[in-house]
PDB file of N, CA and C in Angstrom:
ATOM      1  N   MET A   1      76.361  61.887  75.476  1.00  0.00           N
ATOM      2  CA  MET A   1      77.553  61.495  76.204  1.00  0.00           C
ATOM      3  C   MET A   1      78.764  61.788  75.316  1.00  0.00           C
ATOM      4  N   VAL A   2      79.772  62.373  75.939  1.00  0.00           N
ATOM      5  CA  VAL A   2      81.012  62.727  75.251  1.00  0.00           C
ATOM      6  C   VAL A   2      82.099  61.777  75.735  1.00  0.00           C
ATOM      7  N   VAL A   3      82.910  61.273  74.810  1.00  0.00           N
ATOM      8  CA  VAL A   3      84.020  60.389  75.163  1.00  0.00           C
ATOM      9  C   VAL A   3      85.315  61.025  74.667  1.00  0.00           C
ATOM     10  N   ARG A   4      86.300  61.120  75.571  1.00  0.00           N
ATOM     11  CA  ARG A   4      87.600  61.688  75.228  1.00  0.00           C
ATOM     12  C   ARG A   4      88.688  60.822  75.840  1.00  0.00           C
ATOM     13  N   ASN A   5      89.849  60.760  75.180  1.00  0.00           N
ATOM     14  CA  ASN A   5      90.969  60.072  75.816  1.00  0.00           C
ATOM     15  C   ASN A   5      91.632  61.057  76.783  1.00  0.00           C
ATOM     16  N   ILE A   6      92.552  60.569  77.570  1.00  0.00           N
ATOM     17  CA  ILE A   6      93.149  61.399  78.617  1.00  0.00           C
ATOM     18  C   ILE A   6      93.822  62.643  78.055  1.00  0.00           C
ATOM     19  N   SER A   7      94.562  62.493  76.967  1.00  0.00           N
ATOM     20  CA  SER A   7      95.254  63.648  76.379  1.00  0.00           C
ATOM     21  C   SER A   7      94.264  64.711  75.921  1.00  0.00           C
ATOM     22  N   GLU A   8      93.200  64.276  75.250  1.00  0.00           N
ATOM     23  CA  GLU A   8      92.181  65.224  74.799  1.00  0.00           C
ATOM     24  C   GLU A   8      91.491  65.884  75.993  1.00  0.00           C
ATOM     25  N   ALA A   9      91.208  65.091  77.025  1.00  0.00           N
ATOM     26  CA  ALA A   9      90.521  65.621  78.203  1.00  0.00           C
ATOM     27  C   ALA A   9      91.361  66.690  78.894  1.00  0.00           C
ATOM     28  N   LYS A  10      92.682  66.469  78.983  1.00  0.00           N
ATOM     29  CA  LYS A  10      93.550  67.478  79.597  1.00  0.00           C
ATOM     30  C   LYS A  10      93.521  68.765  78.796  1.00  0.00           C
ATOM     31  N   ALA A  11      93.534  68.645  77.477  1.00  0.00           N
ATOM     32  CA  ALA A  11      93.555  69.833  76.620  1.00  0.00           C
ATOM     33  C   ALA A  11      92.213  70.554  76.595  1.00  0.00           C
ATOM     34  N   GLU A  12      91.118  69.817  76.816  1.00  0.00           N
ATOM     35  CA  GLU A  12      89.774  70.389  76.696  1.00  0.00           C
ATOM     36  C   GLU A  12      89.018  70.427  78.020  1.00  0.00           C
ATOM     37  N   LEU A  13      89.708  70.423  79.126  1.00  0.00           N
ATOM     38  CA  LEU A  13      89.030  70.312  80.419  1.00  0.00           C
ATOM     39  C   LEU A  13      87.943  71.362  80.612  1.00  0.00           C
ATOM     40  N   SER A  14      88.218  72.608  80.290  1.00  0.00           N
ATOM     41  CA  SER A  14      87.212  73.660  80.474  1.00  0.00           C
ATOM     42  C   SER A  14      85.963  73.382  79.646  1.00  0.00           C
ATOM     43  N   VAL A  15      86.143  72.919  78.431  1.00  0.00           N
ATOM     44  CA  VAL A  15      85.006  72.602  77.562  1.00  0.00           C
ATOM     45  C   VAL A  15      84.224  71.421  78.124  1.00  0.00           C
ATOM     46  N   LEU A  16      84.929  70.413  78.616  1.00  0.00           N
ATOM     47  CA  LEU A  16      84.256  69.243  79.174  1.00  0.00           C
ATOM     48  C   LEU A  16      83.491  69.599  80.446  1.00  0.00           C
ATOM     49  N   ILE A  17      84.062  70.438  81.275  1.00  0.00           N
ATOM     50  CA  ILE A  17      83.368  70.892  82.494  1.00  0.00           C
ATOM     51  C   ILE A  17      82.087  71.629  82.114  1.00  0.00           C
ATOM     52  N   GLU A  18      82.149  72.451  81.100  1.00  0.00           N
ATOM     53  CA  GLU A  18      80.956  73.180  80.649  1.00  0.00           C
ATOM     54  C   GLU A  18      79.895  72.198  80.151  1.00  0.00           C
ATOM     55  N   GLU A  19      80.310  71.161  79.462  1.00  0.00           N
ATOM     56  CA  GLU A  19      79.378  70.123  79.002  1.00  0.00           C
ATOM     57  C   GLU A  19      78.678  69.465  80.189  1.00  0.00           C
ATOM     58  N   VAL A  20      79.445  69.173  81.242  1.00  0.00           N
ATOM     59  CA  VAL A  20      78.881  68.553  82.440  1.00  0.00           C
ATOM     60  C   VAL A  20      77.943  69.522  83.154  1.00  0.00           C
ATOM     61  N   ARG A  21      78.305  70.807  83.209  1.00  0.00           N
ATOM     62  CA  ARG A  21      77.445  71.809  83.863  1.00  0.00           C
ATOM     63  C   ARG A  21      76.078  71.892  83.191  1.00  0.00           C
ATOM     64  N   LYS A  22      76.034  71.597  81.892  1.00  0.00           N
ATOM     65  CA  LYS A  22      74.770  71.620  81.145  1.00  0.00           C
ATOM     66  C   LYS A  22      73.967  70.340  81.356  1.00  0.00           C
ATOM     67  N   GLY A  23      74.519  69.404  82.134  1.00  0.00           N
ATOM     68  CA  GLY A  23      73.803  68.162  82.420  1.00  0.00           C
ATOM     69  C   GLY A  23      74.332  66.966  81.661  1.00  0.00           C
ATOM     70  N   GLY A  24      75.360  67.153  80.855  1.00  0.00           N
ATOM     71  CA  GLY A  24      75.929  66.049  80.088  1.00  0.00           C
ATOM     72  C   GLY A  24      76.832  65.162  80.912  1.00  0.00           C
ATOM     73  N   VAL A  25      77.261  64.098  80.306  1.00  0.00           N
ATOM     74  CA  VAL A  25      78.166  63.141  80.930  1.00  0.00           C
ATOM     75  C   VAL A  25      79.388  63.016  80.029  1.00  0.00           C
ATOM     76  N   VAL A  26      80.563  62.971  80.632  1.00  0.00           N
ATOM     77  CA  VAL A  26      81.806  62.843  79.883  1.00  0.00           C
ATOM     78  C   VAL A  26      82.531  61.595  80.374  1.00  0.00           C
ATOM     79  N   ILE A  27      82.893  60.738  79.445  1.00  0.00           N
ATOM     80  CA  ILE A  27      83.669  59.543  79.754  1.00  0.00           C
ATOM     81  C   ILE A  27      85.104  59.795  79.310  1.00  0.00           C
ATOM     82  N   ILE A  28      86.051  59.516  80.193  1.00  0.00           N
ATOM     83  CA  ILE A  28      87.467  59.656  79.854  1.00  0.00           C
ATOM     84  C   ILE A  28      88.039  58.250  79.756  1.00  0.00           C
ATOM     85  N   ASP A  29      88.695  57.975  78.633  1.00  0.00           N
ATOM     86  CA  ASP A  29      89.243  56.637  78.476  1.00  0.00           C
ATOM     87  C   ASP A  29      90.752  56.655  78.299  1.00  0.00           C
ATOM     88  N   LYS A  30      91.342  55.480  78.497  1.00  0.00           N
ATOM     89  CA  LYS A  30      92.781  55.295  78.307  1.00  0.00           C
ATOM     90  C   LYS A  30      92.937  54.008  77.510  1.00  0.00           C
ATOM     91  N   ALA A  31      93.603  54.114  76.399  1.00  0.00           N
ATOM     92  CA  ALA A  31      93.807  52.962  75.513  1.00  0.00           C
ATOM     93  C   ALA A  31      92.472  52.348  75.098  1.00  0.00           C
ATOM     94  N   GLY A  32      91.466  53.200  74.904  1.00  0.00           N
ATOM     95  CA  GLY A  32      90.168  52.724  74.433  1.00  0.00           C
ATOM     96  C   GLY A  32      89.261  52.133  75.497  1.00  0.00           C
ATOM     97  N   ARG A  33      89.683  52.164  76.746  1.00  0.00           N
ATOM     98  CA  ARG A  33      88.852  51.628  77.838  1.00  0.00           C
ATOM     99  C   ARG A  33      88.473  52.746  78.800  1.00  0.00           C
ATOM    100  N   PRO A  34      87.203  52.837  79.162  1.00  0.00           N
ATOM    101  CA  PRO A  34      86.765  53.885  80.094  1.00  0.00           C
ATOM    102  C   PRO A  34      87.456  53.756  81.450  1.00  0.00           C
ATOM    103  N   VAL A  35      87.926  54.908  81.984  1.00  0.00           N
ATOM    104  CA  VAL A  35      88.564  54.905  83.301  1.00  0.00           C
ATOM    105  C   VAL A  35      87.941  55.922  84.254  1.00  0.00           C
ATOM    106  N   ALA A  36      87.210  56.894  83.724  1.00  0.00           N
ATOM    107  CA  ALA A  36      86.597  57.915  84.590  1.00  0.00           C
ATOM    108  C   ALA A  36      85.330  58.438  83.940  1.00  0.00           C
ATOM    109  N   LYS A  37      84.463  58.968  84.792  1.00  0.00           N
ATOM    110  CA  LYS A  37      83.193  59.517  84.330  1.00  0.00           C
ATOM    111  C   LYS A  37      82.961  60.849  85.030  1.00  0.00           C
ATOM    112  N   LEU A  38      82.776  61.904  84.259  1.00  0.00           N
ATOM    113  CA  LEU A  38      82.450  63.213  84.821  1.00  0.00           C
ATOM    114  C   LEU A  38      80.940  63.390  84.731  1.00  0.00           C
ATOM    115  N   VAL A  39      80.322  63.663  85.862  1.00  0.00           N
ATOM    116  CA  VAL A  39      78.872  63.855  85.917  1.00  0.00           C
ATOM    117  C   VAL A  39      78.579  65.115  86.707  1.00  0.00           C
ATOM    118  N   PRO A  40      77.406  65.703  86.532  1.00  0.00           N
ATOM    119  CA  PRO A  40      77.069  66.902  87.302  1.00  0.00           C
ATOM    120  C   PRO A  40      77.007  66.602  88.805  1.00  0.00           C
ATOM    121  N   HIS A  41      77.455  67.542  89.597  1.00  0.00           N
ATOM    122  CA  HIS A  41      77.403  67.419  91.056  1.00  0.00           C
ATOM    123  C   HIS A  41      75.975  67.662  91.508  1.00  0.00           C
ATOM    124  N   ARG A  42      75.436  66.741  92.294  1.00  0.00           N
ATOM    125  CA  ARG A  42      74.048  66.851  92.749  1.00  0.00           C
ATOM    126  C   ARG A  42      73.946  67.114  94.242  1.00  0.00           C
ATOM    127  N   GLY A  43      75.055  67.352  94.899  1.00  0.00           N
ATOM    128  CA  GLY A  43      75.056  67.577  96.345  1.00  0.00           C
ATOM    129  C   GLY A  43      74.552  68.967  96.704  1.00  0.00           C
ATOM    130  N   SER A  44      74.557  69.240  97.972  1.00  0.00           N
ATOM    131  CA  SER A  44      74.115  70.532  98.480  1.00  0.00           C
ATOM    132  C   SER A  44      75.070  71.639  98.046  1.00  0.00           C
ATOM    133  N   THR A  45      74.517  72.769  97.697  1.00  0.00           N
ATOM    134  CA  THR A  45      75.346  73.915  97.339  1.00  0.00           C
ATOM    135  C   THR A  45      75.449  74.906  98.494  1.00  0.00           C
ATOM    136  N   ARG A  46      74.721  74.620  99.593  1.00  0.00           N
ATOM    137  CA  ARG A  46      74.789  75.488 100.769  1.00  0.00           C
ATOM    138  C   ARG A  46      76.048  75.195 101.557  1.00  0.00           C
ATOM    139  N   PRO A  47      76.706  76.201 102.079  1.00  0.00           N
ATOM    140  CA  PRO A  47      77.868  75.944 102.933  1.00  0.00           C
ATOM    141  C   PRO A  47      77.420  75.315 104.254  1.00  0.00           C
ATOM    142  N   ARG A  48      78.263  74.452 104.807  1.00  0.00           N
ATOM    143  CA  ARG A  48      77.956  73.832 106.081  1.00  0.00           C
ATOM    144  C   ARG A  48      78.002  74.860 107.198  1.00  0.00           C
ATOM    145  N   THR A  49      77.192  74.663 108.213  1.00  0.00           N
ATOM    146  CA  THR A  49      77.169  75.545 109.370  1.00  0.00           C
ATOM    147  C   THR A  49      77.737  74.794 110.561  1.00  0.00           C
ATOM    148  N   PRO A  50      78.967  75.102 110.964  1.00  0.00           N
ATOM    149  CA  PRO A  50      79.535  74.410 112.120  1.00  0.00           C
ATOM    150  C   PRO A  50      78.668  74.622 113.357  1.00  0.00           C
ATOM    151  N   GLY A  51      78.487  73.547 114.108  1.00  0.00           N
ATOM    152  CA  GLY A  51      77.709  73.638 115.344  1.00  0.00           C
ATOM    153  C   GLY A  51      76.214  73.561 115.129  1.00  0.00           C
ATOM    154  N   ALA A  52      75.766  73.201 113.951  1.00  0.00           N
ATOM    155  CA  ALA A  52      74.335  73.160 113.667  1.00  0.00           C
ATOM    156  C   ALA A  52      73.597  72.158 114.548  1.00  0.00           C
ATOM    157  N   LEU A  53      74.281  71.132 115.034  1.00  0.00           N
ATOM    158  CA  LEU A  53      73.640  70.127 115.880  1.00  0.00           C
ATOM    159  C   LEU A  53      73.962  70.315 117.365  1.00  0.00           C
ATOM    160  N   ALA A  54      74.518  71.449 117.723  1.00  0.00           N
ATOM    161  CA  ALA A  54      74.845  71.710 119.130  1.00  0.00           C
ATOM    162  C   ALA A  54      73.589  71.567 119.986  1.00  0.00           C
ATOM    163  N   GLY A  55      73.720  70.797 121.073  1.00  0.00           N
ATOM    164  CA  GLY A  55      72.605  70.589 121.984  1.00  0.00           C
ATOM    165  C   GLY A  55      71.660  69.492 121.538  1.00  0.00           C
ATOM    166  N   LYS A  56      71.876  68.900 120.361  1.00  0.00           N
ATOM    167  CA  LYS A  56      70.992  67.858 119.857  1.00  0.00           C
ATOM    168  C   LYS A  56      71.633  66.470 119.921  1.00  0.00           C
ATOM    169  N   ILE A  57      72.906  66.427 120.271  1.00  0.00           N
ATOM    170  CA  ILE A  57      73.624  65.162 120.338  1.00  0.00           C
ATOM    171  C   ILE A  57      74.111  64.952 121.761  1.00  0.00           C
ATOM    172  N   TRP A  58      73.962  63.735 122.259  1.00  0.00           N
ATOM    173  CA  TRP A  58      74.383  63.405 123.613  1.00  0.00           C
ATOM    174  C   TRP A  58      75.476  62.362 123.550  1.00  0.00           C
ATOM    175  N   MET A  59      76.516  62.530 124.341  1.00  0.00           N
ATOM    176  CA  MET A  59      77.598  61.561 124.462  1.00  0.00           C
ATOM    177  C   MET A  59      77.670  61.111 125.911  1.00  0.00           C
ATOM    178  N   ALA A  60      77.858  59.832 126.098  1.00  0.00           N
ATOM    179  CA  ALA A  60      77.973  59.291 127.456  1.00  0.00           C
ATOM    180  C   ALA A  60      79.208  59.873 128.129  1.00  0.00           C
ATOM    181  N   PRO A  61      79.155  60.095 129.434  1.00  0.00           N
ATOM    182  CA  PRO A  61      80.302  60.671 130.142  1.00  0.00           C
ATOM    183  C   PRO A  61      81.567  59.821 130.008  1.00  0.00           C
ATOM    184  N   ASP A  62      81.409  58.505 129.830  1.00  0.00           N
ATOM    185  CA  ASP A  62      82.582  57.630 129.718  1.00  0.00           C
ATOM    186  C   ASP A  62      82.921  57.315 128.254  1.00  0.00           C
ATOM    187  N   PHE A  63      82.506  58.139 127.335  1.00  0.00           N
ATOM    188  CA  PHE A  63      82.707  57.904 125.901  1.00  0.00           C
ATOM    189  C   PHE A  63      84.175  57.646 125.550  1.00  0.00           C
ATOM    190  N   ASP A  64      85.095  58.399 126.126  1.00  0.00           N
ATOM    191  CA  ASP A  64      86.505  58.276 125.789  1.00  0.00           C
ATOM    192  C   ASP A  64      87.216  57.138 126.517  1.00  0.00           C
ATOM    193  N   ARG A  65      86.564  56.496 127.462  1.00  0.00           N
ATOM    194  CA  ARG A  65      87.192  55.401 128.207  1.00  0.00           C
ATOM    195  C   ARG A  65      86.925  54.088 127.477  1.00  0.00           C
ATOM    196  N   PRO A  66      87.966  53.329 127.140  1.00  0.00           N
ATOM    197  CA  PRO A  66      87.742  52.062 126.443  1.00  0.00           C
ATOM    198  C   PRO A  66      87.085  51.048 127.377  1.00  0.00           C
ATOM    199  N   PRO A  67      86.317  50.126 126.820  1.00  0.00           N
ATOM    200  CA  PRO A  67      85.706  49.087 127.650  1.00  0.00           C
ATOM    201  C   PRO A  67      86.781  48.257 128.344  1.00  0.00           C
ATOM    202  N   ASP A  68      86.417  47.651 129.474  1.00  0.00           N
ATOM    203  CA  ASP A  68      87.359  46.826 130.239  1.00  0.00           C
ATOM    204  C   ASP A  68      87.973  45.758 129.344  1.00  0.00           C
ATOM    205  N   GLY A  69      89.286  45.615 129.425  1.00  0.00           N
ATOM    206  CA  GLY A  69      89.992  44.583 128.697  1.00  0.00           C
ATOM    207  C   GLY A  69      90.465  44.976 127.310  1.00  0.00           C
ATOM    208  N   ILE A  70      89.895  45.986 126.708  1.00  0.00           N
ATOM    209  CA  ILE A  70      90.282  46.371 125.348  1.00  0.00           C
ATOM    210  C   ILE A  70      91.694  46.950 125.328  1.00  0.00           C
ATOM    211  N   ALA A  71      91.990  47.876 126.224  1.00  0.00           N
ATOM    212  CA  ALA A  71      93.323  48.480 126.253  1.00  0.00           C
ATOM    213  C   ALA A  71      94.381  47.413 126.522  1.00  0.00           C
ATOM    214  N   GLU A  72      94.084  46.477 127.400  1.00  0.00           N
ATOM    215  CA  GLU A  72      95.015  45.388 127.682  1.00  0.00           C
ATOM    216  C   GLU A  72      95.229  44.535 126.434  1.00  0.00           C
ATOM    217  N   ALA A  73      94.163  44.235 125.702  1.00  0.00           N
ATOM    218  CA  ALA A  73      94.244  43.398 124.507  1.00  0.00           C
ATOM    219  C   ALA A  73      95.142  44.029 123.441  1.00  0.00           C
ATOM    220  N   PHE A  74      95.194  45.342 123.406  1.00  0.00           N
ATOM    221  CA  PHE A  74      96.014  46.031 122.409  1.00  0.00           C
ATOM    222  C   PHE A  74      97.350  46.501 122.974  1.00  0.00           C
ATOM    223  N   GLY A  75      97.678  46.045 124.160  1.00  0.00           N
ATOM    224  CA  GLY A  75      98.963  46.365 124.747  1.00  0.00           C
ATOM    225  C   GLY A  75      99.044  47.769 125.316  1.00  0.00           C
ATOM    226  N   GLY A  76      97.926  48.408 125.574  1.00  0.00           N
ATOM    227  CA  GLY A  76      97.936  49.774 126.081  1.00  0.00           C
ATOM    228  C   GLY A  76      98.120  49.856 127.575  1.00  0.00           C
ATOM    229  N   LEU A  77      97.767  48.812 128.281  1.00  0.00           N
ATOM    230  CA  LEU A  77      97.878  48.802 129.743  1.00  0.00           C
ATOM    231  C   LEU A  77      98.453  47.459 130.182  1.00  0.00           C
ATOM    232  N   GLU A  78      99.003  47.458 131.348  1.00  0.00           N
ATOM    233  CA  GLU A  78      99.446  46.201 131.939  1.00  0.00           C
ATOM    234  C   GLU A  78      98.216  45.423 132.380  1.00  0.00           C
ATOM    235  N   PRO A  79      98.245  44.094 132.209  1.00  0.00           N
ATOM    236  CA  PRO A  79      97.090  43.289 132.653  1.00  0.00           C
ATOM    237  C   PRO A  79      96.853  43.451 134.144  1.00  0.00           C
ATOM    238  N   LYS A  80      95.602  43.427 134.537  1.00  0.00           N
ATOM    239  CA  LYS A  80      95.244  43.503 135.957  1.00  0.00           C
ATOM    240  C   LYS A  80      95.587  42.189 136.632  1.00  0.00           C
ATOM    241  N   ALA A  81      96.062  42.267 137.882  1.00  0.00           N
ATOM    242  CA  ALA A  81      96.470  41.059 138.609  1.00  0.00           C
ATOM    243  C   ALA A  81      95.274  40.311 139.118  1.00  0.00           C
TER     244      ALA A  81
END
């Protein structure tokens, strides 16, 4: 684990990123107290495919219509007589 203060981290960002890419952890502190932690990204590296769930999700026909009384409660409609 590498610990750097904010000033050092700004000056050495490329080096710290390389340390993280190798699997290391970098702690950035301010006034001797840790404030941030750089860790390797473990998420997906594949780009998202828009529409991948097309045809697999169903929405009710009245999805956009608020339930009775909700619009009135928030001042969106005049109360029913």
